[in-house]
Amino acid sequence: MGKRIVIALGGNALGKNLPEQMLAVKETSKAIADLVEAGHTVAVAHGNGPQVGMIQNAFAAYCRQEPSADVMPLSMCVAMSQGYIGYDLQNALKEELLNRGLQQGVATVLTQVVVEGDDPAFQHPTKPIGAFMSKEEAEKMAREKGWHIAEDAGRGWRQVVASPKPLAVVELTTIRALAEADNVVIACGGGGIPVIATDHHHLKGAAAVIDKDLASELLAEHLDADMLIILTAVEKVAVNFNKPNQKWLDALTPEEARTYIGEGQFAPGSMLPKVEAAVKFAESKPGRTALITLLEKARDGIDGKTGTRIAC
């Protein structure tokens, strides 16, 4: 019997610019179609770090040319990234499904996710977005644009923005109805458009980017998924990463994961939220399993052949 699965796609599954994205979504779609073909019900969430950074930079450049233009709010940039990533991904996936004789519909849902306006994350930005920079470039952006910057897991420097905790998926009823009708749903793109609930049912956009792994976990819980698959740039989670005593992990209990978290084994803004999301999902209901692995290893990971599995 097939499983109900939520997949959280990492940035490597989407590329860093439009030409890369066009190529990347074709390979990504093959891996997702493998799961659909195997009889699983699939919902897909994705990151948007490079993409939302590009959109933000494009509007900043436009504002320099047109001083009267308003700066585009970050929440709007997230919405735009959901639209164009979803457009490419749903078309590539539908094409791949039809090539295999599969008739499932594919739909992108523009998704808002509620956060608290007084979340401490707004005072301590940690979520990397946009392109990697040298330390000198990053320091220049900090001086000239007032950006918060941080080193990202040994890969370079990036802008960091607030990453508040996701509390509720606004379009959950629609997403659930589509999934239960055997559609592949693309939702919570980039962690969802961050909104704050105000009086009279108004949702106000927030200057933030929600971590897509934590938003995917929330979505997986509410869709009553059996498995959360978090796809990233490595086949397995490791401790002592990039050190001579690096050790790959095949399986983790939530207790073991918390011990490693307490030791600072996982980089903030990188592997840490993935492990935290996996732990939360594994503990949310008996029988639930989280998997962290490479895109091309997802199908094998479901069968326990690879990846890092987190379960009680």
C-alpha atoms as a PDB file:
ATOM      1  CA  MET A   1       0.000   0.000   0.000  1.00  0.00           C
ATOM      2  CA  GLY A   2       1.311   3.434  -0.907  1.00  0.00           C
ATOM      3  CA  LYS A   3       2.292   6.055   1.645  1.00  0.00           C
ATOM      4  CA  ARG A   4       1.195   9.635   1.985  1.00  0.00           C
ATOM      5  CA  ILE A   5       4.423  11.616   1.571  1.00  0.00           C
ATOM      6  CA  VAL A   6       5.415  15.265   1.824  1.00  0.00           C
ATOM      7  CA  ILE A   7       8.658  16.109   0.036  1.00  0.00           C
ATOM      8  CA  ALA A   8      10.702  19.172   0.967  1.00  0.00           C
ATOM      9  CA  LEU A   9      12.910  20.075  -1.993  1.00  0.00           C
ATOM     10  CA  GLY A  10      16.241  21.751  -1.315  1.00  0.00           C
ATOM     11  CA  GLY A  11      17.746  24.477  -3.465  1.00  0.00           C
ATOM     12  CA  ASN A  12      19.900  21.968  -5.365  1.00  0.00           C
ATOM     13  CA  ALA A  13      16.698  20.515  -6.801  1.00  0.00           C
ATOM     14  CA  LEU A  14      15.783  23.866  -8.392  1.00  0.00           C
ATOM     15  CA  GLY A  15      19.023  25.469  -9.554  1.00  0.00           C
ATOM     16  CA  LYS A  16      20.321  28.950  -8.791  1.00  0.00           C
ATOM     17  CA  ASN A  17      18.915  30.881 -11.774  1.00  0.00           C
ATOM     18  CA  LEU A  18      16.286  30.517 -14.491  1.00  0.00           C
ATOM     19  CA  PRO A  19      18.339  28.452 -16.995  1.00  0.00           C
ATOM     20  CA  GLU A  20      19.525  26.136 -14.216  1.00  0.00           C
ATOM     21  CA  GLN A  21      15.979  25.863 -12.904  1.00  0.00           C
ATOM     22  CA  MET A  22      14.618  24.762 -16.283  1.00  0.00           C
ATOM     23  CA  LEU A  23      17.140  21.910 -16.333  1.00  0.00           C
ATOM     24  CA  ALA A  24      16.873  21.063 -12.638  1.00  0.00           C
ATOM     25  CA  VAL A  25      13.089  20.682 -12.527  1.00  0.00           C
ATOM     26  CA  LYS A  26      13.242  18.018 -15.240  1.00  0.00           C
ATOM     27  CA  GLU A  27      15.467  15.820 -13.064  1.00  0.00           C
ATOM     28  CA  THR A  28      13.503  16.721  -9.961  1.00  0.00           C
ATOM     29  CA  SER A  29      10.277  15.709 -11.696  1.00  0.00           C
ATOM     30  CA  LYS A  30      11.672  12.283 -12.526  1.00  0.00           C
ATOM     31  CA  ALA A  31      12.374  11.593  -8.856  1.00  0.00           C
ATOM     32  CA  ILE A  32       8.899  12.782  -7.810  1.00  0.00           C
ATOM     33  CA  ALA A  33       7.258  10.786 -10.611  1.00  0.00           C
ATOM     34  CA  ASP A  34       9.104   7.676  -9.377  1.00  0.00           C
ATOM     35  CA  LEU A  35       7.226   7.983  -6.090  1.00  0.00           C
ATOM     36  CA  VAL A  36       3.872   8.607  -7.750  1.00  0.00           C
ATOM     37  CA  GLU A  37       4.440   5.658 -10.065  1.00  0.00           C
ATOM     38  CA  ALA A  38       5.199   3.485  -7.018  1.00  0.00           C
ATOM     39  CA  GLY A  39       1.710   4.249  -5.707  1.00  0.00           C
ATOM     40  CA  HIS A  40       2.455   6.962  -3.176  1.00  0.00           C
ATOM     41  CA  THR A  41       0.401  10.138  -2.663  1.00  0.00           C
ATOM     42  CA  VAL A  42       2.771  13.088  -2.870  1.00  0.00           C
ATOM     43  CA  ALA A  43       2.730  16.740  -1.870  1.00  0.00           C
ATOM     44  CA  VAL A  44       5.742  18.906  -2.632  1.00  0.00           C
ATOM     45  CA  ALA A  45       7.190  21.903  -0.818  1.00  0.00           C
ATOM     46  CA  HIS A  46      10.359  23.680  -1.873  1.00  0.00           C
ATOM     47  CA  GLY A  47      12.943  26.235  -0.879  1.00  0.00           C
ATOM     48  CA  ASN A  48      13.452  29.617  -2.538  1.00  0.00           C
ATOM     49  CA  GLY A  49      16.637  31.069  -1.046  1.00  0.00           C
ATOM     50  CA  PRO A  50      18.460  31.883  -4.303  1.00  0.00           C
ATOM     51  CA  GLN A  51      15.241  32.787  -6.111  1.00  0.00           C
ATOM     52  CA  VAL A  52      13.823  35.198  -3.551  1.00  0.00           C
ATOM     53  CA  GLY A  53      17.237  36.829  -3.320  1.00  0.00           C
ATOM     54  CA  MET A  54      17.282  37.364  -7.090  1.00  0.00           C
ATOM     55  CA  ILE A  55      13.808  38.896  -7.026  1.00  0.00           C
ATOM     56  CA  GLN A  56      14.725  41.191  -4.159  1.00  0.00           C
ATOM     57  CA  ASN A  57      17.920  42.316  -5.918  1.00  0.00           C
ATOM     58  CA  ALA A  58      16.047  42.923  -9.178  1.00  0.00           C
ATOM     59  CA  PHE A  59      13.556  45.244  -7.505  1.00  0.00           C
ATOM     60  CA  ALA A  60      16.343  46.978  -5.600  1.00  0.00           C
ATOM     61  CA  ALA A  61      18.082  47.676  -8.922  1.00  0.00           C
ATOM     62  CA  TYR A  62      14.812  48.980 -10.379  1.00  0.00           C
ATOM     63  CA  CYS A  63      14.381  51.325  -7.411  1.00  0.00           C
ATOM     64  CA  ARG A  64      17.819  52.797  -8.121  1.00  0.00           C
ATOM     65  CA  GLN A  65      16.673  53.591 -11.664  1.00  0.00           C
ATOM     66  CA  GLU A  66      13.228  54.794 -10.579  1.00  0.00           C
ATOM     67  CA  PRO A  67      13.593  56.611  -7.234  1.00  0.00           C
ATOM     68  CA  SER A  68       9.818  57.019  -6.966  1.00  0.00           C
ATOM     69  CA  ALA A  69       9.274  53.237  -7.003  1.00  0.00           C
ATOM     70  CA  ASP A  70       8.445  51.490  -3.745  1.00  0.00           C
ATOM     71  CA  VAL A  71      10.721  48.810  -2.341  1.00  0.00           C
ATOM     72  CA  MET A  72       9.076  45.423  -2.885  1.00  0.00           C
ATOM     73  CA  PRO A  73       8.164  43.818   0.481  1.00  0.00           C
ATOM     74  CA  LEU A  74       9.922  40.540   1.179  1.00  0.00           C
ATOM     75  CA  SER A  75       6.570  38.747   1.557  1.00  0.00           C
ATOM     76  CA  MET A  76       5.700  39.797  -2.021  1.00  0.00           C
ATOM     77  CA  CYS A  77       9.067  38.501  -3.222  1.00  0.00           C
ATOM     78  CA  VAL A  78       8.270  35.144  -1.606  1.00  0.00           C
ATOM     79  CA  ALA A  79       4.890  35.092  -3.378  1.00  0.00           C
ATOM     80  CA  MET A  80       6.548  35.791  -6.739  1.00  0.00           C
ATOM     81  CA  SER A  81       9.053  33.006  -6.171  1.00  0.00           C
ATOM     82  CA  GLN A  82       6.219  30.573  -5.404  1.00  0.00           C
ATOM     83  CA  GLY A  83       4.554  31.491  -8.672  1.00  0.00           C
ATOM     84  CA  TYR A  84       7.440  31.073 -11.080  1.00  0.00           C
ATOM     85  CA  ILE A  85       8.994  28.045  -9.353  1.00  0.00           C
ATOM     86  CA  GLY A  86       5.586  26.382  -9.215  1.00  0.00           C
ATOM     87  CA  TYR A  87       4.984  27.177 -12.888  1.00  0.00           C
ATOM     88  CA  ASP A  88       8.185  25.437 -13.986  1.00  0.00           C
ATOM     89  CA  LEU A  89       7.883  22.549 -11.558  1.00  0.00           C
ATOM     90  CA  GLN A  90       4.243  21.691 -12.189  1.00  0.00           C
ATOM     91  CA  ASN A  91       4.698  21.764 -15.964  1.00  0.00           C
ATOM     92  CA  ALA A  92       7.809  19.580 -15.851  1.00  0.00           C
ATOM     93  CA  LEU A  93       6.164  17.144 -13.450  1.00  0.00           C
ATOM     94  CA  LYS A  94       2.924  16.908 -15.432  1.00  0.00           C
ATOM     95  CA  GLU A  95       4.945  16.208 -18.585  1.00  0.00           C
ATOM     96  CA  GLU A  96       6.911  13.466 -16.835  1.00  0.00           C
ATOM     97  CA  LEU A  97       3.751  11.860 -15.440  1.00  0.00           C
ATOM     98  CA  LEU A  98       2.038  11.863 -18.839  1.00  0.00           C
ATOM     99  CA  ASN A  99       5.140  10.346 -20.445  1.00  0.00           C
ATOM    100  CA  ARG A 100       4.691   7.446 -18.025  1.00  0.00           C
ATOM    101  CA  GLY A 101       0.981   7.120 -18.701  1.00  0.00           C
ATOM    102  CA  LEU A 102       0.018   8.578 -15.323  1.00  0.00           C
ATOM    103  CA  GLN A 103      -3.001  10.883 -15.216  1.00  0.00           C
ATOM    104  CA  GLN A 104      -2.610  12.604 -11.838  1.00  0.00           C
ATOM    105  CA  GLY A 105      -3.223  16.314 -11.862  1.00  0.00           C
ATOM    106  CA  VAL A 106      -0.530  18.708 -10.664  1.00  0.00           C
ATOM    107  CA  ALA A 107      -1.376  22.057  -9.080  1.00  0.00           C
ATOM    108  CA  THR A 108       0.531  24.832  -7.367  1.00  0.00           C
ATOM    109  CA  VAL A 109      -1.233  26.507  -4.450  1.00  0.00           C
ATOM    110  CA  LEU A 110      -0.070  30.002  -3.544  1.00  0.00           C
ATOM    111  CA  THR A 111       0.359  29.372   0.168  1.00  0.00           C
ATOM    112  CA  GLN A 112       0.374  31.727   3.133  1.00  0.00           C
ATOM    113  CA  VAL A 113       1.772  30.609   6.491  1.00  0.00           C
ATOM    114  CA  VAL A 114       0.903  32.399   9.718  1.00  0.00           C
ATOM    115  CA  VAL A 115       3.692  33.580  12.047  1.00  0.00           C
ATOM    116  CA  GLU A 116       3.657  35.588  15.279  1.00  0.00           C
ATOM    117  CA  GLY A 117       4.465  39.267  14.968  1.00  0.00           C
ATOM    118  CA  ASP A 118       6.496  39.137  18.184  1.00  0.00           C
ATOM    119  CA  ASP A 119       8.486  36.038  17.253  1.00  0.00           C
ATOM    120  CA  PRO A 120      12.053  36.528  18.598  1.00  0.00           C
ATOM    121  CA  ALA A 121      13.397  35.611  15.143  1.00  0.00           C
ATOM    122  CA  PHE A 122      12.597  39.132  13.944  1.00  0.00           C
ATOM    123  CA  GLN A 123      15.300  40.403  16.313  1.00  0.00           C
ATOM    124  CA  HIS A 124      17.848  37.746  15.316  1.00  0.00           C
ATOM    125  CA  PRO A 125      17.941  37.131  11.526  1.00  0.00           C
ATOM    126  CA  THR A 126      19.418  33.722  10.621  1.00  0.00           C
ATOM    127  CA  LYS A 127      17.845  32.527   7.352  1.00  0.00           C
ATOM    128  CA  PRO A 128      20.228  32.791   4.356  1.00  0.00           C
ATOM    129  CA  ILE A 129      18.845  34.043   1.051  1.00  0.00           C
ATOM    130  CA  GLY A 130      20.343  35.094  -2.259  1.00  0.00           C
ATOM    131  CA  ALA A 131      23.741  34.397  -3.777  1.00  0.00           C
ATOM    132  CA  PHE A 132      26.928  33.394  -1.986  1.00  0.00           C
ATOM    133  CA  MET A 133      29.467  36.203  -1.582  1.00  0.00           C
ATOM    134  CA  SER A 134      33.027  36.638  -0.431  1.00  0.00           C
ATOM    135  CA  LYS A 135      33.463  38.141   3.020  1.00  0.00           C
ATOM    136  CA  GLU A 136      34.516  41.430   1.426  1.00  0.00           C
ATOM    137  CA  GLU A 137      31.425  41.549  -0.805  1.00  0.00           C
ATOM    138  CA  ALA A 138      29.163  40.700   2.115  1.00  0.00           C
ATOM    139  CA  GLU A 139      30.655  43.385   4.325  1.00  0.00           C
ATOM    140  CA  LYS A 140      30.162  45.922   1.537  1.00  0.00           C
ATOM    141  CA  MET A 141      26.461  44.975   1.258  1.00  0.00           C
ATOM    142  CA  ALA A 142      26.109  45.269   5.014  1.00  0.00           C
ATOM    143  CA  ARG A 143      27.554  48.782   4.917  1.00  0.00           C
ATOM    144  CA  GLU A 144      25.697  49.989   1.836  1.00  0.00           C
ATOM    145  CA  LYS A 145      22.319  48.254   2.209  1.00  0.00           C
ATOM    146  CA  GLY A 146      22.129  47.543   5.920  1.00  0.00           C
ATOM    147  CA  TRP A 147      21.923  43.787   5.301  1.00  0.00           C
ATOM    148  CA  HIS A 148      22.481  41.285   8.047  1.00  0.00           C
ATOM    149  CA  ILE A 149      25.143  38.856   6.805  1.00  0.00           C
ATOM    150  CA  ALA A 150      26.478  35.513   8.005  1.00  0.00           C
ATOM    151  CA  GLU A 151      28.831  32.748   6.918  1.00  0.00           C
ATOM    152  CA  ASP A 152      26.859  29.766   5.573  1.00  0.00           C
ATOM    153  CA  ALA A 153      28.256  26.332   6.476  1.00  0.00           C
ATOM    154  CA  GLY A 154      31.707  26.989   5.046  1.00  0.00           C
ATOM    155  CA  ARG A 155      30.340  27.783   1.583  1.00  0.00           C
ATOM    156  CA  GLY A 156      30.581  31.569   1.638  1.00  0.00           C
ATOM    157  CA  TRP A 157      28.698  34.576   2.996  1.00  0.00           C
ATOM    158  CA  ARG A 158      25.026  35.396   2.400  1.00  0.00           C
ATOM    159  CA  GLN A 159      22.362  37.828   3.446  1.00  0.00           C
ATOM    160  CA  VAL A 160      20.302  36.551   6.375  1.00  0.00           C
ATOM    161  CA  VAL A 161      16.736  37.530   7.217  1.00  0.00           C
ATOM    162  CA  ALA A 162      14.266  36.683   9.973  1.00  0.00           C
ATOM    163  CA  SER A 163      12.963  33.110  10.005  1.00  0.00           C
ATOM    164  CA  PRO A 164       9.956  32.975  12.363  1.00  0.00           C
ATOM    165  CA  LYS A 165       8.285  29.745  13.429  1.00  0.00           C
ATOM    166  CA  PRO A 166       5.413  28.607  11.176  1.00  0.00           C
ATOM    167  CA  LEU A 167       2.128  28.285  13.063  1.00  0.00           C
ATOM    168  CA  ALA A 168      -0.620  27.535  10.535  1.00  0.00           C
ATOM    169  CA  VAL A 169      -1.062  26.926   6.804  1.00  0.00           C
ATOM    170  CA  VAL A 170      -3.804  29.289   5.620  1.00  0.00           C
ATOM    171  CA  GLU A 171      -4.747  27.322   2.477  1.00  0.00           C
ATOM    172  CA  LEU A 172      -4.671  23.916   4.214  1.00  0.00           C
ATOM    173  CA  THR A 173      -8.277  22.999   3.349  1.00  0.00           C
ATOM    174  CA  THR A 174      -7.628  23.558  -0.355  1.00  0.00           C
ATOM    175  CA  ILE A 175      -4.336  21.655  -0.302  1.00  0.00           C
ATOM    176  CA  ARG A 176      -5.928  18.722   1.534  1.00  0.00           C
ATOM    177  CA  ALA A 177      -8.860  18.556  -0.900  1.00  0.00           C
ATOM    178  CA  LEU A 178      -6.521  18.488  -3.897  1.00  0.00           C
ATOM    179  CA  ALA A 179      -4.332  15.800  -2.332  1.00  0.00           C
ATOM    180  CA  GLU A 180      -7.300  13.627  -1.411  1.00  0.00           C
ATOM    181  CA  ALA A 181      -8.481  13.879  -5.023  1.00  0.00           C
ATOM    182  CA  ASP A 182      -5.194  12.209  -6.087  1.00  0.00           C
ATOM    183  CA  ASN A 183      -3.458  15.362  -7.303  1.00  0.00           C
ATOM    184  CA  VAL A 184       0.195  16.150  -6.728  1.00  0.00           C
ATOM    185  CA  VAL A 185       0.125  19.456  -4.857  1.00  0.00           C
ATOM    186  CA  ILE A 186       2.986  21.971  -4.797  1.00  0.00           C
ATOM    187  CA  ALA A 187       2.506  24.088  -1.694  1.00  0.00           C
ATOM    188  CA  CYS A 188       4.304  26.069   1.020  1.00  0.00           C
ATOM    189  CA  GLY A 189       6.860  27.226  -1.528  1.00  0.00           C
ATOM    190  CA  GLY A 190       9.822  28.893   0.164  1.00  0.00           C
ATOM    191  CA  GLY A 191       8.266  28.025   3.518  1.00  0.00           C
ATOM    192  CA  GLY A 192       5.099  29.875   2.599  1.00  0.00           C
ATOM    193  CA  ILE A 193       4.343  33.588   2.331  1.00  0.00           C
ATOM    194  CA  PRO A 194       4.841  34.804   5.913  1.00  0.00           C
ATOM    195  CA  VAL A 195       1.750  36.584   7.230  1.00  0.00           C
ATOM    196  CA  ILE A 196       0.651  37.906  10.596  1.00  0.00           C
ATOM    197  CA  ALA A 197      -3.018  37.582  11.588  1.00  0.00           C
ATOM    198  CA  THR A 198      -4.503  40.957  12.541  1.00  0.00           C
ATOM    199  CA  ASP A 199      -7.976  42.150  13.485  1.00  0.00           C
ATOM    200  CA  HIS A 200     -10.957  41.550  11.191  1.00  0.00           C
ATOM    201  CA  HIS A 201      -9.380  38.471   9.548  1.00  0.00           C
ATOM    202  CA  HIS A 202      -6.715  40.535   7.779  1.00  0.00           C
ATOM    203  CA  LEU A 203      -3.399  38.827   6.999  1.00  0.00           C
ATOM    204  CA  LYS A 204      -0.437  41.198   6.897  1.00  0.00           C
ATOM    205  CA  GLY A 205       2.752  40.221   5.048  1.00  0.00           C
ATOM    206  CA  ALA A 206       5.876  39.945   7.206  1.00  0.00           C
ATOM    207  CA  ALA A 207       9.480  40.817   6.314  1.00  0.00           C
ATOM    208  CA  ALA A 208      10.761  37.267   6.700  1.00  0.00           C
ATOM    209  CA  VAL A 209      11.423  33.933   5.022  1.00  0.00           C
ATOM    210  CA  ILE A 210      10.062  30.872   6.825  1.00  0.00           C
ATOM    211  CA  ASP A 211      12.306  27.835   6.848  1.00  0.00           C
ATOM    212  CA  LYS A 212      10.888  25.476   4.230  1.00  0.00           C
ATOM    213  CA  ASP A 213      11.748  22.351   6.241  1.00  0.00           C
ATOM    214  CA  LEU A 214       9.788  23.527   9.270  1.00  0.00           C
ATOM    215  CA  ALA A 215       6.871  24.614   7.073  1.00  0.00           C
ATOM    216  CA  SER A 216       6.984  21.257   5.258  1.00  0.00           C
ATOM    217  CA  GLU A 217       6.847  19.475   8.610  1.00  0.00           C
ATOM    218  CA  LEU A 218       3.784  21.475   9.615  1.00  0.00           C
ATOM    219  CA  LEU A 219       2.127  20.662   6.294  1.00  0.00           C
ATOM    220  CA  ALA A 220       3.001  16.964   6.657  1.00  0.00           C
ATOM    221  CA  GLU A 221       1.421  16.833  10.100  1.00  0.00           C
ATOM    222  CA  HIS A 222      -1.794  18.494   8.939  1.00  0.00           C
ATOM    223  CA  LEU A 223      -2.053  16.251   5.866  1.00  0.00           C
ATOM    224  CA  ASP A 224      -1.584  13.227   8.159  1.00  0.00           C
ATOM    225  CA  ALA A 225       1.407  12.097   6.110  1.00  0.00           C
ATOM    226  CA  ASP A 226       3.211   8.835   6.826  1.00  0.00           C
ATOM    227  CA  MET A 227       6.591  10.193   5.788  1.00  0.00           C
ATOM    228  CA  LEU A 228       8.383  13.508   5.468  1.00  0.00           C
ATOM    229  CA  ILE A 229      11.266  13.407   2.990  1.00  0.00           C
ATOM    230  CA  ILE A 230      13.705  16.304   3.288  1.00  0.00           C
ATOM    231  CA  LEU A 231      15.956  16.473   0.244  1.00  0.00           C
ATOM    232  CA  THR A 232      19.319  18.146   0.470  1.00  0.00           C
ATOM    233  CA  ALA A 233      22.822  18.208  -1.047  1.00  0.00           C
ATOM    234  CA  VAL A 234      24.147  15.161   0.839  1.00  0.00           C
ATOM    235  CA  GLU A 235      23.017  11.525   0.927  1.00  0.00           C
ATOM    236  CA  LYS A 236      22.975  11.321   4.727  1.00  0.00           C
ATOM    237  CA  VAL A 237      23.263  13.456   7.828  1.00  0.00           C
ATOM    238  CA  ALA A 238      26.760  13.560   9.303  1.00  0.00           C
ATOM    239  CA  VAL A 239      28.366  14.497  12.596  1.00  0.00           C
ATOM    240  CA  ASN A 240      31.745  16.210  12.612  1.00  0.00           C
ATOM    241  CA  PHE A 241      30.879  17.348   9.088  1.00  0.00           C
ATOM    242  CA  ASN A 242      33.879  18.142   6.855  1.00  0.00           C
ATOM    243  CA  LYS A 243      36.301  17.040   9.582  1.00  0.00           C
ATOM    244  CA  PRO A 244      38.708  14.071   9.546  1.00  0.00           C
ATOM    245  CA  ASN A 245      36.428  12.187  11.956  1.00  0.00           C
ATOM    246  CA  GLN A 246      33.245  12.816   9.964  1.00  0.00           C
ATOM    247  CA  LYS A 247      30.637  10.071  10.479  1.00  0.00           C
ATOM    248  CA  TRP A 248      27.571   9.441   8.301  1.00  0.00           C
ATOM    249  CA  LEU A 249      24.386   8.439  10.116  1.00  0.00           C
ATOM    250  CA  ASP A 250      21.954   5.806   8.799  1.00  0.00           C
ATOM    251  CA  ALA A 251      19.324   6.200  11.505  1.00  0.00           C
ATOM    252  CA  LEU A 252      18.588   8.439  14.453  1.00  0.00           C
ATOM    253  CA  THR A 253      16.106   8.435  17.299  1.00  0.00           C
ATOM    254  CA  PRO A 254      14.786  11.841  18.342  1.00  0.00           C
ATOM    255  CA  GLU A 255      16.788  11.534  21.566  1.00  0.00           C
ATOM    256  CA  GLU A 256      20.032  10.911  19.667  1.00  0.00           C
ATOM    257  CA  ALA A 257      19.296  13.809  17.344  1.00  0.00           C
ATOM    258  CA  ARG A 258      18.763  16.159  20.291  1.00  0.00           C
ATOM    259  CA  THR A 259      22.090  15.114  21.776  1.00  0.00           C
ATOM    260  CA  TYR A 260      23.855  16.006  18.526  1.00  0.00           C
ATOM    261  CA  ILE A 261      21.908  19.280  18.309  1.00  0.00           C
ATOM    262  CA  GLY A 262      23.058  20.129  21.824  1.00  0.00           C
ATOM    263  CA  GLU A 263      26.648  19.487  20.752  1.00  0.00           C
ATOM    264  CA  GLY A 264      26.270  21.989  17.912  1.00  0.00           C
ATOM    265  CA  GLN A 265      26.801  19.308  15.257  1.00  0.00           C
ATOM    266  CA  PHE A 266      24.407  20.808  12.716  1.00  0.00           C
ATOM    267  CA  ALA A 267      24.853  24.203  11.044  1.00  0.00           C
ATOM    268  CA  PRO A 268      22.097  26.792  11.703  1.00  0.00           C
ATOM    269  CA  GLY A 269      20.256  27.735   8.522  1.00  0.00           C
ATOM    270  CA  SER A 270      21.518  24.542   6.857  1.00  0.00           C
ATOM    271  CA  MET A 271      21.283  21.030   8.375  1.00  0.00           C
ATOM    272  CA  LEU A 272      19.959  22.122  11.784  1.00  0.00           C
ATOM    273  CA  PRO A 273      16.391  23.009  10.680  1.00  0.00           C
ATOM    274  CA  LYS A 274      16.238  19.800   8.640  1.00  0.00           C
ATOM    275  CA  VAL A 275      17.048  17.658  11.660  1.00  0.00           C
ATOM    276  CA  GLU A 276      14.729  19.698  13.886  1.00  0.00           C
ATOM    277  CA  ALA A 277      11.868  19.295  11.401  1.00  0.00           C
ATOM    278  CA  ALA A 278      12.565  15.558  11.091  1.00  0.00           C
ATOM    279  CA  VAL A 279      12.511  15.103  14.863  1.00  0.00           C
ATOM    280  CA  LYS A 280       9.281  17.057  15.262  1.00  0.00           C
ATOM    281  CA  PHE A 281       7.551  15.015  12.568  1.00  0.00           C
ATOM    282  CA  ALA A 282       8.789  11.664  13.906  1.00  0.00           C
ATOM    283  CA  GLU A 283       7.401  12.499  17.341  1.00  0.00           C
ATOM    284  CA  SER A 284       4.102  13.944  16.122  1.00  0.00           C
ATOM    285  CA  LYS A 285       2.329  10.579  15.798  1.00  0.00           C
ATOM    286  CA  PRO A 286       3.286   6.909  16.220  1.00  0.00           C
ATOM    287  CA  GLY A 287       4.535   5.291  13.015  1.00  0.00           C
ATOM    288  CA  ARG A 288       5.688   8.472  11.320  1.00  0.00           C
ATOM    289  CA  THR A 289       9.158   8.538   9.763  1.00  0.00           C
ATOM    290  CA  ALA A 290      11.328  11.336   8.427  1.00  0.00           C
ATOM    291  CA  LEU A 291      14.043  10.818   5.833  1.00  0.00           C
ATOM    292  CA  ILE A 292      16.906  13.159   4.945  1.00  0.00           C
ATOM    293  CA  THR A 293      18.730  12.334   1.710  1.00  0.00           C
ATOM    294  CA  LEU A 294      19.611  13.276  -1.859  1.00  0.00           C
ATOM    295  CA  LEU A 295      16.938  13.837  -4.488  1.00  0.00           C
ATOM    296  CA  GLU A 296      17.992  10.824  -6.551  1.00  0.00           C
ATOM    297  CA  LYS A 297      18.034   8.594  -3.467  1.00  0.00           C
ATOM    298  CA  ALA A 298      14.482   9.350  -2.319  1.00  0.00           C
ATOM    299  CA  ARG A 299      12.852   6.191  -3.672  1.00  0.00           C
ATOM    300  CA  ASP A 300      15.570   3.943  -2.246  1.00  0.00           C
ATOM    301  CA  GLY A 301      15.343   5.819   1.037  1.00  0.00           C
ATOM    302  CA  ILE A 302      11.666   4.963   1.433  1.00  0.00           C
ATOM    303  CA  ASP A 303      12.683   1.308   1.355  1.00  0.00           C
ATOM    304  CA  GLY A 304      15.378   1.916   3.951  1.00  0.00           C
ATOM    305  CA  LYS A 305      18.287   1.443   1.558  1.00  0.00           C
ATOM    306  CA  THR A 306      19.915   4.831   1.993  1.00  0.00           C
ATOM    307  CA  GLY A 307      19.569   8.258   3.610  1.00  0.00           C
ATOM    308  CA  THR A 308      19.189   9.082   7.292  1.00  0.00           C
ATOM    309  CA  ARG A 309      15.913   7.913   8.840  1.00  0.00           C
ATOM    310  CA  ILE A 310      14.569   9.575  11.984  1.00  0.00           C
ATOM    311  CA  ALA A 311      11.886   7.657  13.833  1.00  0.00           C
ATOM    312  CA  CYS A 312      10.825   6.823  17.359  1.00  0.00           C
END
